[in-house]
Structures are given as C-alpha cells and as structure tokens.
C-alpha cells in the first residue's frame, strides 16, 4: 500500500466524526487511541528486532500515538537475510488494520537521500524547509492528482495525501470557525492559523501525520510548531530497559541487564528527582 492510500484510509475513517470532534483534538493525549496494546502484532515487530519490551519502554505519549495509527519515531531494526547476514537499518512503523480486523505493520524505512525531482523547484525548497505544500502527484496508475506533501525529515520520505481528502476537512473547519478565504488560504499554504475559541487561543494547521490531517494546539503558532517535536532526553528509562538518544537524535535501546555505570547513576538520579518532586507535591 502506498503512503497516499495509507493516509487516505486513516483520514476517511474519521471524516464522519471530524466536525463534532474538532475542539477535543486540541488535547490529543486525553483521547482514547484507536487500538489497544493487546492488538499490537509483536510477532511481526520482533522479526525486525523490536521486542514487546522495547515497544513498552517507549515514552507513554509515543506509545499512545502508535496505538492511534500514527507513525513511530525512527527506530533501529535488525533483520537476518537468507545467507544469515545481520543487516541493521532504521525505520518508522505504523499499525494498519486488515480486512479481517487484525492489525499488521507498515514500515517506512530511512532513505539515504530525498527524492524530490518530481516536484517544482519552489516546492522542493519548501519541503526541505519543513513546510507542507500542495503539488501535482502522479499515482502508480498514471493518474495525476493534486496532493498535500510533507517531507519526513526522519526517513527522508515524502508523505502524500490527496488534496480532496484534506480539502473536505478544511471546508468543515471553515464553517465551524467561520474562517475567511484568506485564513483558509493560510491553512492550504501549510501555515498554522491561530483563532480565539471560547476565550482560548487555539492554533490549527495541516499535519499529514495526524488522524484527520489537521492538528490542533491550545496556544499560539510557536507552540503548535513545537508540539510535534518529541523531546528525548539522553536516557529514557522504561520498565525493562532504556532508549538512548545521541546528539543527532538517533535512538538505540539497552536492556536493563546491560546498563553500564553511567546509566545506573543516571537512573538513581532520576529516582531521586522523582522522590523530591513527589515530596514537594505532598506538602
């Protein structure tokens, strides 16, 4: 399944509830995800070196996003080829539902370089700068369609969603918030828009990784832009091990029984900070 079809399936499932759920999505972590942890096909992930313990040890908000059908962070994977060679790579993955209701895994491997030659020079520049753009895209069947595009900096792959799908949701937004044509154009050009809703400042914008293609944030445009950036500490301890982030944001996993002295010291410091925080809250 192509990126565009995958995204379109997710978006179409939620179009009917989009209008009534608009404001609730501003606080995404408080919403129930689409799936639960018992549905995750751990056997599939384990064939690529991602064990159940490794998935469980991801930060709670990351696990929530995965269960909601969003893409994972770029994670290290390992496979054994037919000749017994061990091959290491990096990839995102997302849960997708099959016709029988069971979940499967779709991988989005990290590419060596961006392939943007099919887009206009102006849009290539905007994509590299992290913007969402609208451009023509030729599908595998040869049909040319208008689509919204966004470059995933983690995998260097372009996320593609038909403009018609996002357009319907933007039309609902325009009616719900009585947006002017200028404000609607702002959204279509990939820029976040801030409005006042029930005396609260709220910002909305196109995010092709979100459930409906539109992401909301309580606060201004700067907060909206920072919302999707998961803050990884150097050490991110879980129940069974620790996800480590290097200076470039690359993640690696260490089981608890392989912790070195530095990691044990960091774990102790974290425990002490949590105790101090609990003590202050109890006062």
C-alpha atoms as a PDB file:
ATOM      1  CA  UNK A   1       0.000   0.000   0.000  1.00  0.00           C
ATOM      2  CA  UNK A   2       1.375   3.435  -0.926  1.00  0.00           C
ATOM      3  CA  UNK A   3       1.808   6.320   1.523  1.00  0.00           C
ATOM      4  CA  UNK A   4      -1.103   8.184  -0.073  1.00  0.00           C
ATOM      5  CA  UNK A   5      -3.515   5.243   0.161  1.00  0.00           C
ATOM      6  CA  UNK A   6      -2.453   4.516   3.724  1.00  0.00           C
ATOM      7  CA  UNK A   7      -3.000   8.110   4.834  1.00  0.00           C
ATOM      8  CA  UNK A   8      -6.276   8.286   2.901  1.00  0.00           C
ATOM      9  CA  UNK A   9      -7.642   5.197   4.679  1.00  0.00           C
ATOM     10  CA  UNK A  10      -6.885   6.732   8.072  1.00  0.00           C
ATOM     11  CA  UNK A  11      -8.431  10.072   7.156  1.00  0.00           C
ATOM     12  CA  UNK A  12     -11.599   8.660   5.574  1.00  0.00           C
ATOM     13  CA  UNK A  13     -12.368   6.611   8.691  1.00  0.00           C
ATOM     14  CA  UNK A  14     -12.565   9.819  10.710  1.00  0.00           C
ATOM     15  CA  UNK A  15     -14.232  12.244   8.335  1.00  0.00           C
ATOM     16  CA  UNK A  16     -17.726  11.474   9.653  1.00  0.00           C
ATOM     17  CA  UNK A  17     -16.785  12.330  13.241  1.00  0.00           C
ATOM     18  CA  UNK A  18     -14.449  15.192  12.370  1.00  0.00           C
ATOM     19  CA  UNK A  19     -16.879  18.101  12.824  1.00  0.00           C
ATOM     20  CA  UNK A  20     -18.052  17.082  16.299  1.00  0.00           C
ATOM     21  CA  UNK A  21     -14.532  16.200  17.475  1.00  0.00           C
ATOM     22  CA  UNK A  22     -12.748  19.360  16.297  1.00  0.00           C
ATOM     23  CA  UNK A  23     -12.107  21.008  19.632  1.00  0.00           C
ATOM     24  CA  UNK A  24     -11.478  17.783  21.556  1.00  0.00           C
ATOM     25  CA  UNK A  25      -8.480  17.015  19.358  1.00  0.00           C
ATOM     26  CA  UNK A  26      -6.697  20.083  20.724  1.00  0.00           C
ATOM     27  CA  UNK A  27      -5.619  17.894  23.655  1.00  0.00           C
ATOM     28  CA  UNK A  28      -4.755  14.708  21.794  1.00  0.00           C
ATOM     29  CA  UNK A  29      -3.222  12.769  24.683  1.00  0.00           C
ATOM     30  CA  UNK A  30      -6.536  12.835  26.556  1.00  0.00           C
ATOM     31  CA  UNK A  31      -8.344  10.992  23.751  1.00  0.00           C
ATOM     32  CA  UNK A  32      -8.681   7.229  23.537  1.00  0.00           C
ATOM     33  CA  UNK A  33      -6.460   5.694  20.836  1.00  0.00           C
ATOM     34  CA  UNK A  34      -7.890   3.561  18.033  1.00  0.00           C
ATOM     35  CA  UNK A  35      -6.217   0.350  19.208  1.00  0.00           C
ATOM     36  CA  UNK A  36      -5.010  -1.208  22.458  1.00  0.00           C
ATOM     37  CA  UNK A  37      -1.669  -2.772  23.333  1.00  0.00           C
ATOM     38  CA  UNK A  38      -3.067  -6.311  23.169  1.00  0.00           C
ATOM     39  CA  UNK A  39      -3.708  -5.806  19.434  1.00  0.00           C
ATOM     40  CA  UNK A  40      -0.104  -4.898  18.553  1.00  0.00           C
ATOM     41  CA  UNK A  41       1.387  -7.634  16.301  1.00  0.00           C
ATOM     42  CA  UNK A  42       4.510  -8.058  18.405  1.00  0.00           C
ATOM     43  CA  UNK A  43       5.498 -11.211  16.497  1.00  0.00           C
ATOM     44  CA  UNK A  44       5.877  -9.174  13.302  1.00  0.00           C
ATOM     45  CA  UNK A  45       7.879  -6.444  15.024  1.00  0.00           C
ATOM     46  CA  UNK A  46      10.122  -8.976  16.754  1.00  0.00           C
ATOM     47  CA  UNK A  47      11.210 -10.376  13.389  1.00  0.00           C
ATOM     48  CA  UNK A  48      12.769  -6.951  12.846  1.00  0.00           C
ATOM     49  CA  UNK A  49      14.412  -6.831  16.260  1.00  0.00           C
ATOM     50  CA  UNK A  50      11.727  -4.749  18.004  1.00  0.00           C
ATOM     51  CA  UNK A  51      10.617  -6.732  21.043  1.00  0.00           C
ATOM     52  CA  UNK A  52       7.495  -6.186  23.120  1.00  0.00           C
ATOM     53  CA  UNK A  53       9.679  -4.846  25.938  1.00  0.00           C
ATOM     54  CA  UNK A  54      11.274  -2.289  23.602  1.00  0.00           C
ATOM     55  CA  UNK A  55       7.869  -1.018  22.440  1.00  0.00           C
ATOM     56  CA  UNK A  56       6.539  -0.905  26.009  1.00  0.00           C
ATOM     57  CA  UNK A  57       9.561   1.129  27.106  1.00  0.00           C
ATOM     58  CA  UNK A  58       8.904   3.929  24.600  1.00  0.00           C
ATOM     59  CA  UNK A  59       7.591   7.150  26.233  1.00  0.00           C
ATOM     60  CA  UNK A  60       3.851   6.949  27.005  1.00  0.00           C
ATOM     61  CA  UNK A  61       2.898   9.641  24.502  1.00  0.00           C
ATOM     62  CA  UNK A  62       4.809   7.786  21.757  1.00  0.00           C
ATOM     63  CA  UNK A  63       3.001   4.516  22.560  1.00  0.00           C
ATOM     64  CA  UNK A  64      -0.290   6.435  22.517  1.00  0.00           C
ATOM     65  CA  UNK A  65       0.464   7.803  19.056  1.00  0.00           C
ATOM     66  CA  UNK A  66       1.384   4.339  17.741  1.00  0.00           C
ATOM     67  CA  UNK A  67      -1.882   2.915  19.114  1.00  0.00           C
ATOM     68  CA  UNK A  68      -3.719   5.767  17.406  1.00  0.00           C
ATOM     69  CA  UNK A  69      -2.349   4.733  13.996  1.00  0.00           C
ATOM     70  CA  UNK A  70       0.375   7.372  13.800  1.00  0.00           C
ATOM     71  CA  UNK A  71       3.931   6.635  12.761  1.00  0.00           C
ATOM     72  CA  UNK A  72       6.522   5.663  15.347  1.00  0.00           C
ATOM     73  CA  UNK A  73       9.790   7.523  15.834  1.00  0.00           C
ATOM     74  CA  UNK A  74      12.664   6.360  13.648  1.00  0.00           C
ATOM     75  CA  UNK A  75      13.782   3.172  15.411  1.00  0.00           C
ATOM     76  CA  UNK A  76      16.695   0.780  14.885  1.00  0.00           C
ATOM     77  CA  UNK A  77      15.767  -2.566  13.281  1.00  0.00           C
ATOM     78  CA  UNK A  78      17.746  -5.697  12.545  1.00  0.00           C
ATOM     79  CA  UNK A  79      16.956  -8.466  10.077  1.00  0.00           C
ATOM     80  CA  UNK A  80      18.713 -11.691   9.087  1.00  0.00           C
ATOM     81  CA  UNK A  81      18.910 -12.269   5.328  1.00  0.00           C
ATOM     82  CA  UNK A  82      18.746 -15.635   3.552  1.00  0.00           C
ATOM     83  CA  UNK A  83      22.502 -16.080   3.900  1.00  0.00           C
ATOM     84  CA  UNK A  84      22.425 -15.480   7.628  1.00  0.00           C
ATOM     85  CA  UNK A  85      23.884 -11.984   7.474  1.00  0.00           C
ATOM     86  CA  UNK A  86      22.747  -9.483  10.078  1.00  0.00           C
ATOM     87  CA  UNK A  87      21.508  -6.258   8.493  1.00  0.00           C
ATOM     88  CA  UNK A  88      20.868  -3.144  10.592  1.00  0.00           C
ATOM     89  CA  UNK A  89      18.733  -0.229   9.466  1.00  0.00           C
ATOM     90  CA  UNK A  90      16.355   2.439  10.765  1.00  0.00           C
ATOM     91  CA  UNK A  91      12.652   2.831  10.098  1.00  0.00           C
ATOM     92  CA  UNK A  92       9.349   4.195  11.281  1.00  0.00           C
ATOM     93  CA  UNK A  93       6.370   1.879  11.510  1.00  0.00           C
ATOM     94  CA  UNK A  94       2.606   2.270  11.790  1.00  0.00           C
ATOM     95  CA  UNK A  95      -0.227  -0.077  12.697  1.00  0.00           C
ATOM     96  CA  UNK A  96      -2.708  -0.750   9.886  1.00  0.00           C
ATOM     97  CA  UNK A  97      -5.950  -2.685  10.100  1.00  0.00           C
ATOM     98  CA  UNK A  98      -6.574  -5.536   7.655  1.00  0.00           C
ATOM     99  CA  UNK A  99      -9.937  -6.583   6.218  1.00  0.00           C
ATOM    100  CA  UNK A 100     -10.336  -9.265   8.911  1.00  0.00           C
ATOM    101  CA  UNK A 101      -9.878  -6.651  11.641  1.00  0.00           C
ATOM    102  CA  UNK A 102      -6.398  -7.851  12.639  1.00  0.00           C
ATOM    103  CA  UNK A 103      -3.535  -5.364  12.825  1.00  0.00           C
ATOM    104  CA  UNK A 104      -0.454  -5.527  10.646  1.00  0.00           C
ATOM    105  CA  UNK A 105       2.643  -3.336  10.453  1.00  0.00           C
ATOM    106  CA  UNK A 106       3.664  -0.947   7.690  1.00  0.00           C
ATOM    107  CA  UNK A 107       7.305   0.152   7.656  1.00  0.00           C
ATOM    108  CA  UNK A 108       8.708   3.473   6.416  1.00  0.00           C
ATOM    109  CA  UNK A 109      12.474   2.893   6.097  1.00  0.00           C
ATOM    110  CA  UNK A 110      15.040   5.645   6.373  1.00  0.00           C
ATOM    111  CA  UNK A 111      16.347   6.650   2.949  1.00  0.00           C
ATOM    112  CA  UNK A 112      19.871   7.849   2.185  1.00  0.00           C
ATOM    113  CA  UNK A 113      18.639  10.977   0.399  1.00  0.00           C
ATOM    114  CA  UNK A 114      15.461  12.827  -0.503  1.00  0.00           C
ATOM    115  CA  UNK A 115      13.895  12.169  -3.919  1.00  0.00           C
ATOM    116  CA  UNK A 116      12.231  15.483  -4.765  1.00  0.00           C
ATOM    117  CA  UNK A 117      12.951  15.795  -8.506  1.00  0.00           C
ATOM    118  CA  UNK A 118       9.294  15.238  -9.435  1.00  0.00           C
ATOM    119  CA  UNK A 119       8.227  18.437  -7.646  1.00  0.00           C
ATOM    120  CA  UNK A 120       8.705  22.076  -8.705  1.00  0.00           C
ATOM    121  CA  UNK A 121      11.926  23.795  -7.584  1.00  0.00           C
ATOM    122  CA  UNK A 122       9.917  26.141  -5.354  1.00  0.00           C
ATOM    123  CA  UNK A 123       8.137  23.252  -3.632  1.00  0.00           C
ATOM    124  CA  UNK A 124      11.390  21.316  -3.297  1.00  0.00           C
ATOM    125  CA  UNK A 125      12.783  24.254  -1.351  1.00  0.00           C
ATOM    126  CA  UNK A 126       9.682  24.495   0.835  1.00  0.00           C
ATOM    127  CA  UNK A 127       9.670  20.741   1.514  1.00  0.00           C
ATOM    128  CA  UNK A 128      13.321  20.834   2.577  1.00  0.00           C
ATOM    129  CA  UNK A 129      12.440  23.715   4.917  1.00  0.00           C
ATOM    130  CA  UNK A 130       9.813  21.536   6.621  1.00  0.00           C
ATOM    131  CA  UNK A 131       6.666  23.077   5.118  1.00  0.00           C
ATOM    132  CA  UNK A 132       3.514  21.307   3.926  1.00  0.00           C
ATOM    133  CA  UNK A 133       2.961  22.101   0.225  1.00  0.00           C
ATOM    134  CA  UNK A 134       0.339  21.369  -2.412  1.00  0.00           C
ATOM    135  CA  UNK A 135       1.518  19.993  -5.759  1.00  0.00           C
ATOM    136  CA  UNK A 136       0.612  17.573  -8.540  1.00  0.00           C
ATOM    137  CA  UNK A 137       1.440  13.918  -7.909  1.00  0.00           C
ATOM    138  CA  UNK A 138       1.326  11.027 -10.383  1.00  0.00           C
ATOM    139  CA  UNK A 139      -0.060   7.858  -8.841  1.00  0.00           C
ATOM    140  CA  UNK A 140       1.077   4.329  -9.714  1.00  0.00           C
ATOM    141  CA  UNK A 141      -1.867   4.010 -12.133  1.00  0.00           C
ATOM    142  CA  UNK A 142      -0.617   7.042 -14.088  1.00  0.00           C
ATOM    143  CA  UNK A 143      -3.344   9.429 -12.909  1.00  0.00           C
ATOM    144  CA  UNK A 144      -2.174  12.889 -11.886  1.00  0.00           C
ATOM    145  CA  UNK A 145      -3.850  14.267  -8.765  1.00  0.00           C
ATOM    146  CA  UNK A 146      -3.482  17.314  -6.542  1.00  0.00           C
ATOM    147  CA  UNK A 147      -1.990  16.356  -3.189  1.00  0.00           C
ATOM    148  CA  UNK A 148      -0.626  17.788   0.017  1.00  0.00           C
ATOM    149  CA  UNK A 149       3.014  16.830   0.593  1.00  0.00           C
ATOM    150  CA  UNK A 150       5.321  16.851   3.580  1.00  0.00           C
ATOM    151  CA  UNK A 151       8.930  15.666   3.871  1.00  0.00           C
ATOM    152  CA  UNK A 152       9.502  13.367   6.841  1.00  0.00           C
ATOM    153  CA  UNK A 153      12.935  14.514   7.976  1.00  0.00           C
ATOM    154  CA  UNK A 154      13.471  11.289   9.912  1.00  0.00           C
ATOM    155  CA  UNK A 155      13.101   8.917   6.952  1.00  0.00           C
ATOM    156  CA  UNK A 156      13.590  11.388   4.048  1.00  0.00           C
ATOM    157  CA  UNK A 157      10.345  10.057   2.555  1.00  0.00           C
ATOM    158  CA  UNK A 158       7.573  12.310   1.256  1.00  0.00           C
ATOM    159  CA  UNK A 159       4.175  11.841   2.905  1.00  0.00           C
ATOM    160  CA  UNK A 160       1.434  12.257   0.290  1.00  0.00           C
ATOM    161  CA  UNK A 161      -2.287  12.768   0.957  1.00  0.00           C
ATOM    162  CA  UNK A 162      -4.812  13.595  -1.807  1.00  0.00           C
ATOM    163  CA  UNK A 163      -5.850  17.256  -1.578  1.00  0.00           C
ATOM    164  CA  UNK A 164      -9.519  16.282  -1.842  1.00  0.00           C
ATOM    165  CA  UNK A 165      -9.323  14.400   1.474  1.00  0.00           C
ATOM    166  CA  UNK A 166      -7.740  17.306   3.366  1.00  0.00           C
ATOM    167  CA  UNK A 167      -9.969  19.759   1.480  1.00  0.00           C
ATOM    168  CA  UNK A 168     -13.163  18.262   2.905  1.00  0.00           C
ATOM    169  CA  UNK A 169     -11.859  18.654   6.438  1.00  0.00           C
ATOM    170  CA  UNK A 170     -10.732  22.222   5.730  1.00  0.00           C
ATOM    171  CA  UNK A 171     -14.234  23.026   4.469  1.00  0.00           C
ATOM    172  CA  UNK A 172     -15.668  21.743   7.755  1.00  0.00           C
ATOM    173  CA  UNK A 173     -13.172  23.865   9.657  1.00  0.00           C
ATOM    174  CA  UNK A 174     -14.115  26.965   7.664  1.00  0.00           C
ATOM    175  CA  UNK A 175     -17.799  26.508   8.521  1.00  0.00           C
ATOM    176  CA  UNK A 176     -17.158  25.640  12.163  1.00  0.00           C
ATOM    177  CA  UNK A 177     -14.898  28.629  12.845  1.00  0.00           C
ATOM    178  CA  UNK A 178     -16.303  30.969  10.185  1.00  0.00           C
ATOM    179  CA  UNK A 179     -12.864  31.352   8.617  1.00  0.00           C
ATOM    180  CA  UNK A 180     -12.336  33.930   5.897  1.00  0.00           C
ATOM    181  CA  UNK A 181     -10.990  32.909   2.495  1.00  0.00           C
ATOM    182  CA  UNK A 182      -7.659  34.491   3.447  1.00  0.00           C
ATOM    183  CA  UNK A 183      -7.496  32.389   6.620  1.00  0.00           C
ATOM    184  CA  UNK A 184      -8.392  29.258   4.654  1.00  0.00           C
ATOM    185  CA  UNK A 185      -5.639  30.054   2.142  1.00  0.00           C
ATOM    186  CA  UNK A 186      -3.203  30.347   5.031  1.00  0.00           C
ATOM    187  CA  UNK A 187      -4.018  26.767   6.052  1.00  0.00           C
ATOM    188  CA  UNK A 188      -3.873  25.474   2.471  1.00  0.00           C
ATOM    189  CA  UNK A 189      -0.428  27.042   2.097  1.00  0.00           C
ATOM    190  CA  UNK A 190       0.794  24.912   5.001  1.00  0.00           C
ATOM    191  CA  UNK A 191       0.904  27.682   7.613  1.00  0.00           C
ATOM    192  CA  UNK A 192      -0.666  27.350  11.084  1.00  0.00           C
ATOM    193  CA  UNK A 193      -3.610  29.621  11.896  1.00  0.00           C
ATOM    194  CA  UNK A 194      -4.405  30.963  15.372  1.00  0.00           C
ATOM    195  CA  UNK A 195      -8.020  31.704  16.374  1.00  0.00           C
ATOM    196  CA  UNK A 196      -9.860  32.580  19.590  1.00  0.00           C
ATOM    197  CA  UNK A 197     -12.291  29.848  20.635  1.00  0.00           C
ATOM    198  CA  UNK A 198     -14.345  30.252  23.833  1.00  0.00           C
ATOM    199  CA  UNK A 199     -11.830  32.837  25.057  1.00  0.00           C
ATOM    200  CA  UNK A 200      -8.983  30.362  24.469  1.00  0.00           C
ATOM    201  CA  UNK A 201      -6.182  30.876  21.968  1.00  0.00           C
ATOM    202  CA  UNK A 202      -6.041  27.855  19.688  1.00  0.00           C
ATOM    203  CA  UNK A 203      -3.875  27.113  16.676  1.00  0.00           C
ATOM    204  CA  UNK A 204      -4.669  24.714  13.839  1.00  0.00           C
ATOM    205  CA  UNK A 205      -2.719  23.592  10.801  1.00  0.00           C
ATOM    206  CA  UNK A 206      -2.236  20.787   8.301  1.00  0.00           C
ATOM    207  CA  UNK A 207      -0.276  17.857   9.703  1.00  0.00           C
ATOM    208  CA  UNK A 208      -0.272  14.826   7.411  1.00  0.00           C
ATOM    209  CA  UNK A 209       0.761  12.545  10.281  1.00  0.00           C
ATOM    210  CA  UNK A 210      -2.308  13.397  12.380  1.00  0.00           C
ATOM    211  CA  UNK A 211      -5.549  11.440  12.500  1.00  0.00           C
ATOM    212  CA  UNK A 212      -7.580  13.792  10.283  1.00  0.00           C
ATOM    213  CA  UNK A 213      -4.778  15.669   8.561  1.00  0.00           C
ATOM    214  CA  UNK A 214      -5.474  18.690  10.791  1.00  0.00           C
ATOM    215  CA  UNK A 215      -3.682  19.161  14.105  1.00  0.00           C
ATOM    216  CA  UNK A 216      -4.833  21.455  16.911  1.00  0.00           C
ATOM    217  CA  UNK A 217      -2.952  23.022  19.782  1.00  0.00           C
ATOM    218  CA  UNK A 218      -4.005  25.199  22.696  1.00  0.00           C
ATOM    219  CA  UNK A 219      -1.729  28.207  22.322  1.00  0.00           C
ATOM    220  CA  UNK A 220      -0.037  30.200  19.575  1.00  0.00           C
ATOM    221  CA  UNK A 221       1.649  29.146  16.323  1.00  0.00           C
ATOM    222  CA  UNK A 222       5.034  28.714  18.002  1.00  0.00           C
ATOM    223  CA  UNK A 223       3.552  26.217  20.453  1.00  0.00           C
ATOM    224  CA  UNK A 224       1.833  24.413  17.560  1.00  0.00           C
ATOM    225  CA  UNK A 225       5.176  24.009  15.763  1.00  0.00           C
ATOM    226  CA  UNK A 226       6.852  22.680  18.891  1.00  0.00           C
ATOM    227  CA  UNK A 227       4.018  20.306  19.793  1.00  0.00           C
ATOM    228  CA  UNK A 228       5.075  17.519  17.414  1.00  0.00           C
ATOM    229  CA  UNK A 229       8.703  17.570  18.479  1.00  0.00           C
ATOM    230  CA  UNK A 230       9.027  14.740  20.966  1.00  0.00           C
ATOM    231  CA  UNK A 231      11.629  15.776  23.496  1.00  0.00           C
ATOM    232  CA  UNK A 232      14.022  12.892  24.020  1.00  0.00           C
ATOM    233  CA  UNK A 233      16.420  13.026  26.925  1.00  0.00           C
ATOM    234  CA  UNK A 234      19.775  11.309  26.583  1.00  0.00           C
ATOM    235  CA  UNK A 235      18.427   8.450  28.720  1.00  0.00           C
ATOM    236  CA  UNK A 236      14.736   7.485  28.571  1.00  0.00           C
ATOM    237  CA  UNK A 237      14.220   4.718  31.109  1.00  0.00           C
ATOM    238  CA  UNK A 238      11.363   2.226  30.913  1.00  0.00           C
ATOM    239  CA  UNK A 239      10.318  -0.910  32.774  1.00  0.00           C
ATOM    240  CA  UNK A 240      12.722  -3.282  31.043  1.00  0.00           C
ATOM    241  CA  UNK A 241      15.439  -1.097  29.574  1.00  0.00           C
ATOM    242  CA  UNK A 242      16.356   2.332  28.294  1.00  0.00           C
ATOM    243  CA  UNK A 243      16.020   4.199  24.996  1.00  0.00           C
ATOM    244  CA  UNK A 244      19.068   6.394  24.428  1.00  0.00           C
ATOM    245  CA  UNK A 245      19.193   9.405  22.118  1.00  0.00           C
ATOM    246  CA  UNK A 246      22.509  10.586  20.700  1.00  0.00           C
ATOM    247  CA  UNK A 247      23.389  14.167  19.750  1.00  0.00           C
ATOM    248  CA  UNK A 248      21.710  13.725  16.342  1.00  0.00           C
ATOM    249  CA  UNK A 249      18.507  12.276  17.825  1.00  0.00           C
ATOM    250  CA  UNK A 250      19.250   8.683  16.755  1.00  0.00           C
ATOM    251  CA  UNK A 251      17.696   6.166  19.143  1.00  0.00           C
ATOM    252  CA  UNK A 252      19.185   2.935  20.468  1.00  0.00           C
ATOM    253  CA  UNK A 253      17.946   0.505  23.117  1.00  0.00           C
ATOM    254  CA  UNK A 254      19.771  -1.072  26.052  1.00  0.00           C
ATOM    255  CA  UNK A 255      18.163  -3.825  28.200  1.00  0.00           C
ATOM    256  CA  UNK A 256      18.416  -3.305  31.950  1.00  0.00           C
ATOM    257  CA  UNK A 257      20.888  -6.175  32.407  1.00  0.00           C
ATOM    258  CA  UNK A 258      23.306  -4.390  30.039  1.00  0.00           C
ATOM    259  CA  UNK A 259      23.329  -0.987  31.776  1.00  0.00           C
ATOM    260  CA  UNK A 260      26.784   0.488  32.314  1.00  0.00           C
ATOM    261  CA  UNK A 261      27.836   2.515  35.366  1.00  0.00           C
ATOM    262  CA  UNK A 262      26.797   5.824  33.816  1.00  0.00           C
ATOM    263  CA  UNK A 263      23.293   4.533  33.092  1.00  0.00           C
ATOM    264  CA  UNK A 264      22.848   3.183  36.640  1.00  0.00           C
ATOM    265  CA  UNK A 265      23.953   6.542  38.033  1.00  0.00           C
ATOM    266  CA  UNK A 266      21.504   8.392  35.774  1.00  0.00           C
ATOM    267  CA  UNK A 267      18.697   6.038  36.836  1.00  0.00           C
ATOM    268  CA  UNK A 268      19.457   6.720  40.512  1.00  0.00           C
ATOM    269  CA  UNK A 269      19.474  10.488  39.858  1.00  0.00           C
ATOM    270  CA  UNK A 270      16.136  10.236  38.106  1.00  0.00           C
ATOM    271  CA  UNK A 271      14.672   8.305  41.040  1.00  0.00           C
ATOM    272  CA  UNK A 272      15.907  10.946  43.476  1.00  0.00           C
ATOM    273  CA  UNK A 273      14.432  13.765  41.359  1.00  0.00           C
ATOM    274  CA  UNK A 274      11.072  11.987  41.283  1.00  0.00           C
ATOM    275  CA  UNK A 275      11.120  11.500  45.058  1.00  0.00           C
ATOM    276  CA  UNK A 276      11.861  15.183  45.572  1.00  0.00           C
ATOM    277  CA  UNK A 277       9.053  16.124  43.194  1.00  0.00           C
ATOM    278  CA  UNK A 278       6.556  13.871  44.999  1.00  0.00           C
ATOM    279  CA  UNK A 279       7.655  15.330  48.342  1.00  0.00           C
ATOM    280  CA  UNK A 280       7.061  18.894  47.122  1.00  0.00           C
ATOM    281  CA  UNK A 281       3.612  17.965  45.793  1.00  0.00           C
ATOM    282  CA  UNK A 282       2.684  16.335  49.130  1.00  0.00           C
ATOM    283  CA  UNK A 283       3.431  19.495  51.114  1.00  0.00           C
END
